[in-house]
PDB file of N, CA and C in Angstrom:
ATOM      1  N   MET A   1       1.082  -1.374  -0.106  1.00  0.00           N
ATOM      2  CA  MET A   1       0.099  -0.093  -0.061  1.00  0.00           C
ATOM      3  C   MET A   1       0.768   1.079   0.010  1.00  0.00           C
ATOM      4  N   ALA A   2       1.827   1.095   0.834  1.00  0.00           N
ATOM      5  CA  ALA A   2       3.000   2.328   0.620  1.00  0.00           C
ATOM      6  C   ALA A   2       3.310   2.664  -0.620  1.00  0.00           C
ATOM      7  N   ASP A   3       3.728   1.581  -1.096  1.00  0.00           N
ATOM      8  CA  ASP A   3       4.535   1.464  -2.393  1.00  0.00           C
ATOM      9  C   ASP A   3       3.338   2.122  -3.821  1.00  0.00           C
ATOM     10  N   GLU A   4       2.305   2.149  -3.624  1.00  0.00           N
ATOM     11  CA  GLU A   4       1.410   2.544  -4.441  1.00  0.00           C
ATOM     12  C   GLU A   4       1.070   4.118  -4.201  1.00  0.00           C
ATOM     13  N   GLN A   5       1.229   4.598  -2.664  1.00  0.00           N
ATOM     14  CA  GLN A   5       1.082   5.940  -2.734  1.00  0.00           C
ATOM     15  C   GLN A   5       2.431   6.672  -3.022  1.00  0.00           C
ATOM     16  N   ALA A   6       3.412   6.089  -2.990  1.00  0.00           N
ATOM     17  CA  ALA A   6       4.810   6.586  -3.341  1.00  0.00           C
ATOM     18  C   ALA A   6       5.019   6.841  -5.040  1.00  0.00           C
ATOM     19  N   ASP A   7       4.591   5.701  -5.569  1.00  0.00           N
ATOM     20  CA  ASP A   7       3.948   5.539  -7.123  1.00  0.00           C
ATOM     21  C   ASP A   7       3.366   6.772  -7.580  1.00  0.00           C
ATOM     22  N   GLU A   8       2.305   7.291  -6.775  1.00  0.00           N
ATOM     23  CA  GLU A   8       1.181   8.252  -7.082  1.00  0.00           C
ATOM     24  C   GLU A   8       1.960   9.509  -7.294  1.00  0.00           C
ATOM     25  N   PHE A   9       3.185   9.628  -6.536  1.00  0.00           N
ATOM     26  CA  PHE A   9       3.599  10.875  -6.733  1.00  0.00           C
ATOM     27  C   PHE A   9       5.241  10.906  -7.350  1.00  0.00           C
ATOM     28  N   GLY A  10       5.433   9.615  -8.169  1.00  0.00           N
ATOM     29  CA  GLY A  10       6.967   9.660  -7.946  1.00  0.00           C
ATOM     30  C   GLY A  10       7.824   8.944  -7.214  1.00  0.00           C
ATOM     31  N   ARG A  11       9.032   8.808  -7.810  1.00  0.00           N
ATOM     32  CA  ARG A  11       9.831   8.399  -6.470  1.00  0.00           C
ATOM     33  C   ARG A  11      10.325   9.728  -5.600  1.00  0.00           C
ATOM     34  N   ILE A  12       9.992   9.707  -4.235  1.00  0.00           N
ATOM     35  CA  ILE A  12      10.240  11.071  -3.322  1.00  0.00           C
ATOM     36  C   ILE A  12      11.860  10.946  -2.694  1.00  0.00           C
ATOM     37  N   ARG A  13      12.482  11.503  -2.918  1.00  0.00           N
ATOM     38  CA  ARG A  13      13.666  11.480  -2.415  1.00  0.00           C
ATOM     39  C   ARG A  13      13.684  11.743  -1.057  1.00  0.00           C
ATOM     40  N   LEU A  14      14.651  10.946  -0.161  1.00  0.00           N
ATOM     41  CA  LEU A  14      14.446  11.054   1.628  1.00  0.00           C
ATOM     42  C   LEU A  14      15.999  11.442   1.460  1.00  0.00           C
ATOM     43  N   ALA A  15      15.954  12.074   2.973  1.00  0.00           N
ATOM     44  CA  ALA A  15      17.231  12.481   3.394  1.00  0.00           C
ATOM     45  C   ALA A  15      18.265  11.365   3.299  1.00  0.00           C
ATOM     46  N   ARG A  16      19.553  11.746   3.205  1.00  0.00           N
ATOM     47  CA  ARG A  16      20.267  10.689   3.252  1.00  0.00           C
ATOM     48  C   ARG A  16      21.534  10.734   4.329  1.00  0.00           C
ATOM     49  N   GLU A  17      22.286  10.143   4.898  1.00  0.00           N
ATOM     50  CA  GLU A  17      23.133  10.748   5.930  1.00  0.00           C
ATOM     51  C   GLU A  17      24.033  12.155   5.778  1.00  0.00           C
ATOM     52  N   GLY A  18      23.984  12.883   6.723  1.00  0.00           N
ATOM     53  CA  GLY A  18      24.381  14.023   6.659  1.00  0.00           C
ATOM     54  C   GLY A  18      23.400  15.414   6.212  1.00  0.00           C
ATOM     55  N   GLU A  19      22.032  14.989   5.740  1.00  0.00           N
ATOM     56  CA  GLU A  19      21.342  15.878   4.924  1.00  0.00           C
ATOM     57  C   GLU A  19      20.393  16.266   6.357  1.00  0.00           C
ATOM     58  N   ILE A  20      19.689  17.253   6.062  1.00  0.00           N
ATOM     59  CA  ILE A  20      18.493  17.933   6.798  1.00  0.00           C
ATOM     60  C   ILE A  20      17.436  18.157   6.439  1.00  0.00           C
ATOM     61  N   TYR A  21      16.553  18.009   6.779  1.00  0.00           N
ATOM     62  CA  TYR A  21      15.153  18.824   6.200  1.00  0.00           C
ATOM     63  C   TYR A  21      15.050  20.107   6.836  1.00  0.00           C
ATOM     64  N   GLY A  22      14.497  21.419   5.571  1.00  0.00           N
ATOM     65  CA  GLY A  22      14.346  22.614   6.336  1.00  0.00           C
ATOM     66  C   GLY A  22      13.346  23.449   5.357  1.00  0.00           C
ATOM     67  N   ILE A  23      12.956  24.594   5.905  1.00  0.00           N
ATOM     68  CA  ILE A  23      11.924  25.407   5.148  1.00  0.00           C
ATOM     69  C   ILE A  23      12.359  26.680   5.024  1.00  0.00           C
ATOM     70  N   VAL A  24      12.428  27.216   3.645  1.00  0.00           N
ATOM     71  CA  VAL A  24      13.074  28.228   3.657  1.00  0.00           C
ATOM     72  C   VAL A  24      12.277  29.709   4.055  1.00  0.00           C
ATOM     73  N   LEU A  25      13.228  30.471   4.876  1.00  0.00           N
ATOM     74  CA  LEU A  25      12.342  31.412   5.403  1.00  0.00           C
ATOM     75  C   LEU A  25      12.232  32.878   4.470  1.00  0.00           C
ATOM     76  N   SER A  26      13.616  33.004   3.878  1.00  0.00           N
ATOM     77  CA  SER A  26      13.717  34.071   2.979  1.00  0.00           C
ATOM     78  C   SER A  26      14.853  33.874   1.964  1.00  0.00           C
ATOM     79  N   ASN A  27      14.768  34.706   0.769  1.00  0.00           N
ATOM     80  CA  ASN A  27      15.695  34.623  -0.177  1.00  0.00           C
ATOM     81  C   ASN A  27      16.506  36.068  -0.036  1.00  0.00           C
ATOM     82  N   MET A  28      17.838  35.698   0.161  1.00  0.00           N
ATOM     83  CA  MET A  28      18.815  36.774   0.375  1.00  0.00           C
ATOM     84  C   MET A  28      19.126  37.309  -0.997  1.00  0.00           C
ATOM     85  N   GLY A  29      18.925  36.826  -1.775  1.00  0.00           N
ATOM     86  CA  GLY A  29      19.316  37.175  -3.224  1.00  0.00           C
ATOM     87  C   GLY A  29      20.813  36.529  -3.834  1.00  0.00           C
ATOM     88  N   SER A  30      21.382  36.567  -4.896  1.00  0.00           N
ATOM     89  CA  SER A  30      22.434  35.969  -5.533  1.00  0.00           C
ATOM     90  C   SER A  30      22.515  34.501  -4.994  1.00  0.00           C
ATOM     91  N   SER A  31      21.576  33.778  -5.074  1.00  0.00           N
ATOM     92  CA  SER A  31      21.349  32.199  -4.721  1.00  0.00           C
ATOM     93  C   SER A  31      21.650  31.914  -3.469  1.00  0.00           C
ATOM     94  N   ARG A  32      21.374  32.614  -2.385  1.00  0.00           N
ATOM     95  CA  ARG A  32      21.522  32.335  -1.136  1.00  0.00           C
ATOM     96  C   ARG A  32      20.103  32.564  -0.298  1.00  0.00           C
ATOM     97  N   LEU A  33      19.996  31.448   0.516  1.00  0.00           N
ATOM     98  CA  LEU A  33      18.551  31.458   1.464  1.00  0.00           C
ATOM     99  C   LEU A  33      18.778  31.264   2.540  1.00  0.00           C
ATOM    100  N   LEU A  34      18.006  31.941   3.275  1.00  0.00           N
ATOM    101  CA  LEU A  34      17.976  31.775   4.888  1.00  0.00           C
ATOM    102  C   LEU A  34      16.656  30.622   5.252  1.00  0.00           C
ATOM    103  N   ILE A  35      17.407  29.378   5.680  1.00  0.00           N
ATOM    104  CA  ILE A  35      16.772  28.246   5.865  1.00  0.00           C
ATOM    105  C   ILE A  35      16.466  27.899   7.169  1.00  0.00           C
ATOM    106  N   GLU A  36      15.409  27.746   8.044  1.00  0.00           N
ATOM    107  CA  GLU A  36      15.192  27.215   9.390  1.00  0.00           C
ATOM    108  C   GLU A  36      15.238  25.627   9.079  1.00  0.00           C
ATOM    109  N   CYS A  37      16.144  24.861   9.750  1.00  0.00           N
ATOM    110  CA  CYS A  37      16.385  23.508   9.511  1.00  0.00           C
ATOM    111  C   CYS A  37      15.457  22.699  11.064  1.00  0.00           C
ATOM    112  N   LYS A  38      15.423  21.465  10.291  1.00  0.00           N
ATOM    113  CA  LYS A  38      14.567  20.492  11.565  1.00  0.00           C
ATOM    114  C   LYS A  38      15.384  20.499  12.652  1.00  0.00           C
ATOM    115  N   ASP A  39      16.864  20.707  12.942  1.00  0.00           N
ATOM    116  CA  ASP A  39      17.452  20.836  14.244  1.00  0.00           C
ATOM    117  C   ASP A  39      17.507  21.890  14.762  1.00  0.00           C
ATOM    118  N   GLY A  40      16.632  22.887  14.354  1.00  0.00           N
ATOM    119  CA  GLY A  40      16.465  23.900  15.445  1.00  0.00           C
ATOM    120  C   GLY A  40      17.327  25.108  14.792  1.00  0.00           C
ATOM    121  N   LYS A  41      18.181  25.022  14.291  1.00  0.00           N
ATOM    122  CA  LYS A  41      19.236  26.070  13.643  1.00  0.00           C
ATOM    123  C   LYS A  41      18.831  26.731  12.428  1.00  0.00           C
ATOM    124  N   GLU A  42      19.303  28.018  12.404  1.00  0.00           N
ATOM    125  CA  GLU A  42      18.915  28.666  10.776  1.00  0.00           C
ATOM    126  C   GLU A  42      20.167  28.854  10.146  1.00  0.00           C
ATOM    127  N   ARG A  43      20.346  28.622   8.944  1.00  0.00           N
ATOM    128  CA  ARG A  43      21.320  28.096   8.108  1.00  0.00           C
ATOM    129  C   ARG A  43      21.610  29.361   6.958  1.00  0.00           C
ATOM    130  N   MET A  44      22.357  30.077   6.559  1.00  0.00           N
ATOM    131  CA  MET A  44      22.234  30.247   5.040  1.00  0.00           C
ATOM    132  C   MET A  44      22.961  29.485   4.271  1.00  0.00           C
ATOM    133  N   CYS A  45      22.287  28.995   3.381  1.00  0.00           N
ATOM    134  CA  CYS A  45      22.477  28.259   2.469  1.00  0.00           C
ATOM    135  C   CYS A  45      22.707  28.629   1.073  1.00  0.00           C
ATOM    136  N   ARG A  46      23.128  28.134   0.112  1.00  0.00           N
ATOM    137  CA  ARG A  46      23.914  28.489  -1.205  1.00  0.00           C
ATOM    138  C   ARG A  46      23.034  27.629  -2.130  1.00  0.00           C
ATOM    139  N   ILE A  47      22.535  27.921  -3.467  1.00  0.00           N
ATOM    140  CA  ILE A  47      22.213  26.911  -4.339  1.00  0.00           C
ATOM    141  C   ILE A  47      23.519  26.835  -5.155  1.00  0.00           C
ATOM    142  N   PRO A  48      23.954  25.310  -5.158  1.00  0.00           N
ATOM    143  CA  PRO A  48      25.429  25.110  -5.820  1.00  0.00           C
ATOM    144  C   PRO A  48      24.906  25.500  -7.749  1.00  0.00           C
ATOM    145  N   GLY A  49      25.902  25.790  -8.225  1.00  0.00           N
ATOM    146  CA  GLY A  49      25.893  26.070  -9.755  1.00  0.00           C
ATOM    147  C   GLY A  49      24.992  24.818 -10.571  1.00  0.00           C
ATOM    148  N   LYS A  50      25.434  23.661  -9.998  1.00  0.00           N
ATOM    149  CA  LYS A  50      25.070  22.737 -10.631  1.00  0.00           C
ATOM    150  C   LYS A  50      23.322  22.338 -10.476  1.00  0.00           C
ATOM    151  N   ILE A  51      22.706  23.176 -10.048  1.00  0.00           N
ATOM    152  CA  ILE A  51      21.166  22.708  -9.894  1.00  0.00           C
ATOM    153  C   ILE A  51      20.620  24.322  -9.967  1.00  0.00           C
ATOM    154  N   ARG A  52      21.570  25.497  -9.934  1.00  0.00           N
ATOM    155  CA  ARG A  52      20.883  26.838  -9.932  1.00  0.00           C
ATOM    156  C   ARG A  52      19.850  27.080 -10.791  1.00  0.00           C
ATOM    157  N   ARG A  53      20.020  26.705 -12.034  1.00  0.00           N
ATOM    158  CA  ARG A  53      19.396  27.343 -13.415  1.00  0.00           C
ATOM    159  C   ARG A  53      18.063  26.298 -13.308  1.00  0.00           C
ATOM    160  N   ASN A  54      17.983  25.184 -12.335  1.00  0.00           N
ATOM    161  CA  ASN A  54      16.900  24.200 -12.766  1.00  0.00           C
ATOM    162  C   ASN A  54      15.657  24.419 -11.752  1.00  0.00           C
ATOM    163  N   ILE A  55      16.008  24.937 -10.752  1.00  0.00           N
ATOM    164  CA  ILE A  55      14.650  25.151  -9.576  1.00  0.00           C
ATOM    165  C   ILE A  55      14.557  26.388  -9.478  1.00  0.00           C
ATOM    166  N   TRP A  56      13.640  26.671  -8.876  1.00  0.00           N
ATOM    167  CA  TRP A  56      13.241  27.750  -8.403  1.00  0.00           C
ATOM    168  C   TRP A  56      12.444  27.685  -6.998  1.00  0.00           C
ATOM    169  N   VAL A  57      13.204  28.836  -6.009  1.00  0.00           N
ATOM    170  CA  VAL A  57      12.832  28.524  -4.655  1.00  0.00           C
ATOM    171  C   VAL A  57      12.172  29.505  -4.060  1.00  0.00           C
ATOM    172  N   LYS A  58      11.348  29.370  -3.402  1.00  0.00           N
ATOM    173  CA  LYS A  58      10.453  30.891  -2.866  1.00  0.00           C
ATOM    174  C   LYS A  58      10.331  30.432  -1.337  1.00  0.00           C
ATOM    175  N   ALA A  59       9.639  31.268  -0.483  1.00  0.00           N
ATOM    176  CA  ALA A  59       9.691  31.240   0.669  1.00  0.00           C
ATOM    177  C   ALA A  59       8.747  30.025   1.100  1.00  0.00           C
ATOM    178  N   ASP A  60       8.693  29.410   2.143  1.00  0.00           N
ATOM    179  CA  ASP A  60       7.950  28.506   2.599  1.00  0.00           C
ATOM    180  C   ASP A  60       8.265  27.092   1.939  1.00  0.00           C
ATOM    181  N   ASP A  61       9.038  26.646   1.357  1.00  0.00           N
ATOM    182  CA  ASP A  61       9.248  25.667   0.387  1.00  0.00           C
ATOM    183  C   ASP A  61       9.973  24.739   1.309  1.00  0.00           C
ATOM    184  N   LEU A  62       9.773  23.530   1.055  1.00  0.00           N
ATOM    185  CA  LEU A  62      10.676  22.304   1.954  1.00  0.00           C
ATOM    186  C   LEU A  62      11.694  22.057   1.120  1.00  0.00           C
ATOM    187  N   VAL A  63      12.891  22.236   1.798  1.00  0.00           N
ATOM    188  CA  VAL A  63      13.884  21.507   1.153  1.00  0.00           C
ATOM    189  C   VAL A  63      14.835  20.663   1.914  1.00  0.00           C
ATOM    190  N   LEU A  64      15.909  20.277   1.102  1.00  0.00           N
ATOM    191  CA  LEU A  64      16.946  19.386   1.877  1.00  0.00           C
ATOM    192  C   LEU A  64      18.000  19.888   1.580  1.00  0.00           C
ATOM    193  N   ILE A  65      18.871  20.024   2.820  1.00  0.00           N
ATOM    194  CA  ILE A  65      20.190  20.778   2.685  1.00  0.00           C
ATOM    195  C   ILE A  65      21.175  19.963   3.405  1.00  0.00           C
ATOM    196  N   LYS A  66      22.310  20.167   2.703  1.00  0.00           N
ATOM    197  CA  LYS A  66      23.458  19.416   3.350  1.00  0.00           C
ATOM    198  C   LYS A  66      24.354  20.555   4.046  1.00  0.00           C
ATOM    199  N   PRO A  67      24.620  20.653   5.443  1.00  0.00           N
ATOM    200  CA  PRO A  67      25.546  21.369   6.105  1.00  0.00           C
ATOM    201  C   PRO A  67      26.769  21.169   5.598  1.00  0.00           C
ATOM    202  N   TRP A  68      27.549  22.462   5.457  1.00  0.00           N
ATOM    203  CA  TRP A  68      29.206  22.537   5.183  1.00  0.00           C
ATOM    204  C   TRP A  68      30.278  21.705   6.361  1.00  0.00           C
ATOM    205  N   SER A  69      31.007  21.365   6.290  1.00  0.00           N
ATOM    206  CA  SER A  69      31.786  20.684   7.133  1.00  0.00           C
ATOM    207  C   SER A  69      32.569  21.598   7.994  1.00  0.00           C
ATOM    208  N   ILE A  70      32.943  22.940   7.807  1.00  0.00           N
ATOM    209  CA  ILE A  70      33.419  23.919   8.274  1.00  0.00           C
ATOM    210  C   ILE A  70      32.131  24.837   8.422  1.00  0.00           C
ATOM    211  N   GLU A  71      31.796  25.346   9.567  1.00  0.00           N
ATOM    212  CA  GLU A  71      30.641  26.308  10.014  1.00  0.00           C
ATOM    213  C   GLU A  71      29.531  25.439   9.804  1.00  0.00           C
ATOM    214  N   SER A  72      29.285  24.406  10.206  1.00  0.00           N
ATOM    215  CA  SER A  72      27.958  23.341   9.928  1.00  0.00           C
ATOM    216  C   SER A  72      26.819  23.751  10.606  1.00  0.00           C
ATOM    217  N   ASP A  73      26.942  24.688  11.674  1.00  0.00           N
ATOM    218  CA  ASP A  73      25.753  25.796  12.265  1.00  0.00           C
ATOM    219  C   ASP A  73      25.407  26.423  11.677  1.00  0.00           C
ATOM    220  N   LYS A  74      26.060  27.061  10.583  1.00  0.00           N
ATOM    221  CA  LYS A  74      25.657  28.284   9.997  1.00  0.00           C
ATOM    222  C   LYS A  74      25.279  28.757   8.620  1.00  0.00           C
ATOM    223  N   LYS A  75      25.974  27.642   7.951  1.00  0.00           N
ATOM    224  CA  LYS A  75      25.992  27.458   6.419  1.00  0.00           C
ATOM    225  C   LYS A  75      25.955  26.124   5.891  1.00  0.00           C
ATOM    226  N   GLY A  76      25.446  25.899   4.529  1.00  0.00           N
ATOM    227  CA  GLY A  76      25.161  24.938   3.867  1.00  0.00           C
ATOM    228  C   GLY A  76      24.604  24.977   2.492  1.00  0.00           C
ATOM    229  N   ASP A  77      24.899  23.947   1.734  1.00  0.00           N
ATOM    230  CA  ASP A  77      24.226  23.674   0.546  1.00  0.00           C
ATOM    231  C   ASP A  77      22.725  22.952   0.183  1.00  0.00           C
ATOM    232  N   LEU A  78      21.798  23.717  -0.536  1.00  0.00           N
ATOM    233  CA  LEU A  78      20.714  23.281  -0.647  1.00  0.00           C
ATOM    234  C   LEU A  78      20.957  21.976  -1.835  1.00  0.00           C
ATOM    235  N   VAL A  79      20.214  20.774  -1.553  1.00  0.00           N
ATOM    236  CA  VAL A  79      20.386  19.814  -2.376  1.00  0.00           C
ATOM    237  C   VAL A  79      19.352  19.454  -3.152  1.00  0.00           C
ATOM    238  N   TRP A  80      17.905  19.740  -2.687  1.00  0.00           N
ATOM    239  CA  TRP A  80      16.823  19.344  -3.306  1.00  0.00           C
ATOM    240  C   TRP A  80      15.435  20.207  -2.564  1.00  0.00           C
ATOM    241  N   ARG A  81      14.658  20.408  -3.493  1.00  0.00           N
ATOM    242  CA  ARG A  81      13.563  21.324  -3.332  1.00  0.00           C
ATOM    243  C   ARG A  81      12.200  20.364  -3.406  1.00  0.00           C
ATOM    244  N   TYR A  82      11.089  20.252  -2.621  1.00  0.00           N
ATOM    245  CA  TYR A  82      10.254  19.413  -2.831  1.00  0.00           C
ATOM    246  C   TYR A  82       9.160  20.184  -3.353  1.00  0.00           C
ATOM    247  N   ASN A  83       8.098  19.857  -4.060  1.00  0.00           N
ATOM    248  CA  ASN A  83       6.925  20.515  -4.850  1.00  0.00           C
ATOM    249  C   ASN A  83       5.741  20.072  -3.685  1.00  0.00           C
ATOM    250  N   ARG A  84       4.843  20.990  -3.910  1.00  0.00           N
ATOM    251  CA  ARG A  84       3.775  20.837  -2.687  1.00  0.00           C
ATOM    252  C   ARG A  84       3.099  19.229  -2.640  1.00  0.00           C
ATOM    253  N   LEU A  85       3.040  18.863  -3.594  1.00  0.00           N
ATOM    254  CA  LEU A  85       2.527  17.481  -3.436  1.00  0.00           C
ATOM    255  C   LEU A  85       3.496  16.572  -2.316  1.00  0.00           C
ATOM    256  N   GLN A  86       4.809  16.672  -3.003  1.00  0.00           N
ATOM    257  CA  GLN A  86       5.770  15.969  -2.119  1.00  0.00           C
ATOM    258  C   GLN A  86       5.881  16.250  -0.711  1.00  0.00           C
ATOM    259  N   ALA A  87       6.150  17.458  -0.439  1.00  0.00           N
ATOM    260  CA  ALA A  87       6.232  18.071   0.856  1.00  0.00           C
ATOM    261  C   ALA A  87       4.868  17.527   1.580  1.00  0.00           C
ATOM    262  N   ASP A  88       3.486  17.470   1.045  1.00  0.00           N
ATOM    263  CA  ASP A  88       2.283  17.003   1.948  1.00  0.00           C
ATOM    264  C   ASP A  88       2.373  15.714   2.237  1.00  0.00           C
ATOM    265  N   TRP A  89       3.047  15.076   1.206  1.00  0.00           N
ATOM    266  CA  TRP A  89       3.188  13.623   1.573  1.00  0.00           C
ATOM    267  C   TRP A  89       4.082  13.170   2.576  1.00  0.00           C
ATOM    268  N   LEU A  90       5.250  13.949   2.876  1.00  0.00           N
ATOM    269  CA  LEU A  90       6.079  13.536   3.617  1.00  0.00           C
ATOM    270  C   LEU A  90       5.637  14.138   5.179  1.00  0.00           C
ATOM    271  N   ARG A  91       4.886  15.389   5.092  1.00  0.00           N
ATOM    272  CA  ARG A  91       4.489  15.636   6.537  1.00  0.00           C
ATOM    273  C   ARG A  91       3.437  14.458   6.988  1.00  0.00           C
ATOM    274  N   ARG A  92       2.525  14.230   5.946  1.00  0.00           N
ATOM    275  CA  ARG A  92       1.419  12.985   6.098  1.00  0.00           C
ATOM    276  C   ARG A  92       2.231  11.644   6.652  1.00  0.00           C
ATOM    277  N   LYS A  93       3.366  11.253   6.342  1.00  0.00           N
ATOM    278  CA  LYS A  93       3.820  10.129   6.771  1.00  0.00           C
ATOM    279  C   LYS A  93       4.817  10.367   7.843  1.00  0.00           C
ATOM    280  N   LYS A  94       4.638  11.783   8.496  1.00  0.00           N
ATOM    281  CA  LYS A  94       5.276  12.215   9.816  1.00  0.00           C
ATOM    282  C   LYS A  94       6.896  12.226   9.493  1.00  0.00           C
ATOM    283  N   ILE A  95       7.381  11.917   8.488  1.00  0.00           N
ATOM    284  CA  ILE A  95       8.834  12.094   8.114  1.00  0.00           C
ATOM    285  C   ILE A  95       9.426  13.669   8.410  1.00  0.00           C
ATOM    286  N   VAL A  96       8.513  14.480   8.213  1.00  0.00           N
ATOM    287  CA  VAL A  96       9.106  15.768   8.548  1.00  0.00           C
ATOM    288  C   VAL A  96       8.250  16.548   9.445  1.00  0.00           C
TER     289      VAL A  96
END
């Protein structure tokens, strides 16, 4: 039954080791975002050039980030942005 629901939205990417869910608070310009992470910290995250032109991120989007190894409490990279249906599915399953 869970597979049927996952197929309904396509394959949904889940957090891997070292990645954290977060919600975009604001766009700071120049591909920088202020994100409130699930661990309770606010991080300034950047959108890497590899995905910069492929996604459009706005406030209140659910995202997946990877904290930097240096200053991991303050900075990170955006890895994935969930669309509205995927975010709702993650909330219903209590993953986020």
